[in-house]
Amino acid sequence: TKLRVSVLPLRIQTGRHGRNYIPRNTRYCLCCRSLDIEDEFHCICISYYFSELRRKYIKRFYYTNPSFVKYHLLLRSNNKAELVNLCKFI
């Protein structure tokens, strides 16, 4: 549910409030130290920090050559096992 309503504690969300404000284009991922914005797509499909969990819970199709199209396919999946595994990953 938190993923769907964008309230996960990711920098894309936490960096936009009050004294913790960080410009949107500089809310980089602190886990993998890349210059990618830390958002849901990055954490689920790209971040090196989560690669072991990703391999364990998410089908290879979704994270090899990642794209927003594949990400949306994963979120819209009707396959109960895929959704349960996505929940475990999160």
Protein backbone atom coordinates (compact mmCIF):
# COMPACT_ATOMS: atom_id res chain seq x y z
CA THR A 1 0.00 0.00 0.00
CA LYS A 2 2.81 2.41 0.86
CA LEU A 3 4.34 1.87 -2.57
CA ARG A 4 1.05 2.58 -4.34
CA VAL A 5 0.41 5.83 -2.45
CA SER A 6 4.07 6.98 -2.52
CA VAL A 7 4.72 7.18 1.21
CA LEU A 8 7.77 4.92 1.44
CA PRO A 9 10.69 6.59 3.26
CA LEU A 10 12.58 7.32 0.05
CA ARG A 11 14.49 10.53 -0.59
CA ILE A 12 12.12 11.49 -3.39
CA GLN A 13 9.49 11.89 -0.64
CA THR A 14 11.47 12.75 2.50
CA GLY A 15 13.58 15.41 0.78
CA ARG A 16 10.65 17.67 -0.03
CA HIS A 17 9.64 18.84 3.45
CA GLY A 18 10.65 21.86 5.53
CA ARG A 19 14.19 22.01 6.83
CA ASN A 20 15.02 18.66 5.19
CA TYR A 21 14.26 20.12 1.76
CA ILE A 22 16.54 18.90 -1.02
CA PRO A 23 15.99 19.97 -4.65
CA ARG A 24 14.23 17.18 -6.53
CA ASN A 25 17.04 16.68 -9.03
CA THR A 26 19.59 16.06 -6.24
CA ARG A 27 17.71 13.52 -4.12
CA TYR A 28 20.24 10.82 -4.93
CA CYS A 29 20.21 7.28 -3.60
CA LEU A 30 22.34 7.03 -0.47
CA CYS A 31 22.27 3.23 -0.43
CA CYS A 32 24.11 2.56 -3.68
CA ARG A 33 25.86 5.94 -3.94
CA SER A 34 24.77 6.38 -7.53
CA LEU A 35 23.67 9.64 -9.07
CA ASP A 36 20.16 8.27 -9.61
CA ILE A 37 17.16 9.78 -7.88
CA GLU A 38 16.01 7.52 -5.05
CA ASP A 39 12.44 6.74 -6.00
CA GLU A 40 10.33 3.59 -6.18
CA PHE A 41 11.52 2.65 -9.67
CA HIS A 42 15.18 3.04 -8.73
CA CYS A 43 14.89 0.91 -5.58
CA ILE A 44 12.87 -1.88 -7.17
CA CYS A 45 14.59 -2.12 -10.56
CA ILE A 46 18.04 -0.51 -10.45
CA SER A 47 19.75 0.01 -7.08
CA TYR A 48 22.80 -2.21 -6.53
CA TYR A 49 22.13 -2.16 -2.81
CA PHE A 50 19.00 -4.27 -3.25
CA SER A 51 20.31 -6.61 -5.95
CA GLU A 52 20.32 -9.77 -3.78
CA LEU A 53 16.76 -9.19 -2.62
CA ARG A 54 15.73 -8.34 -6.14
CA ARG A 55 17.12 -11.64 -7.48
CA LYS A 56 15.35 -13.53 -4.69
CA TYR A 57 11.89 -11.99 -5.06
CA ILE A 58 11.47 -10.42 -8.50
CA LYS A 59 11.54 -12.14 -11.88
CA ARG A 60 14.62 -11.41 -13.92
CA PHE A 61 12.50 -9.96 -16.74
CA TYR A 62 11.63 -6.89 -14.65
CA TYR A 63 15.14 -5.84 -13.67
CA THR A 64 17.24 -6.76 -16.72
CA ASN A 65 17.34 -3.69 -18.97
CA PRO A 66 14.96 -1.93 -16.57
CA SER A 67 12.38 0.47 -17.93
CA PHE A 68 9.28 2.22 -16.69
CA VAL A 69 7.22 -0.04 -18.94
CA LYS A 70 8.49 -3.16 -17.14
CA TYR A 71 8.07 -1.45 -13.77
CA HIS A 72 4.44 -0.66 -14.54
CA LEU A 73 3.88 -4.20 -15.79
CA LEU A 74 5.12 -5.48 -12.44
CA LEU A 75 2.86 -3.13 -10.48
CA ARG A 76 -0.17 -3.98 -12.63
CA SER A 77 0.45 -7.73 -12.55
CA ASN A 78 -2.51 -10.01 -11.88
CA ASN A 79 -0.17 -12.82 -10.87
CA LYS A 80 -0.67 -13.30 -7.13
CA ALA A 81 2.78 -14.88 -6.63
CA GLU A 82 4.52 -11.91 -8.30
CA LEU A 83 2.62 -9.44 -6.13
CA VAL A 84 3.33 -11.40 -2.93
CA ASN A 85 7.03 -11.49 -3.83
CA LEU A 86 6.99 -7.76 -4.57
CA CYS A 87 5.52 -7.18 -1.10
CA LYS A 88 8.24 -9.34 0.45
CA PHE A 89 10.88 -7.36 -1.44
CA ILE A 90 9.49 -4.06 -0.20
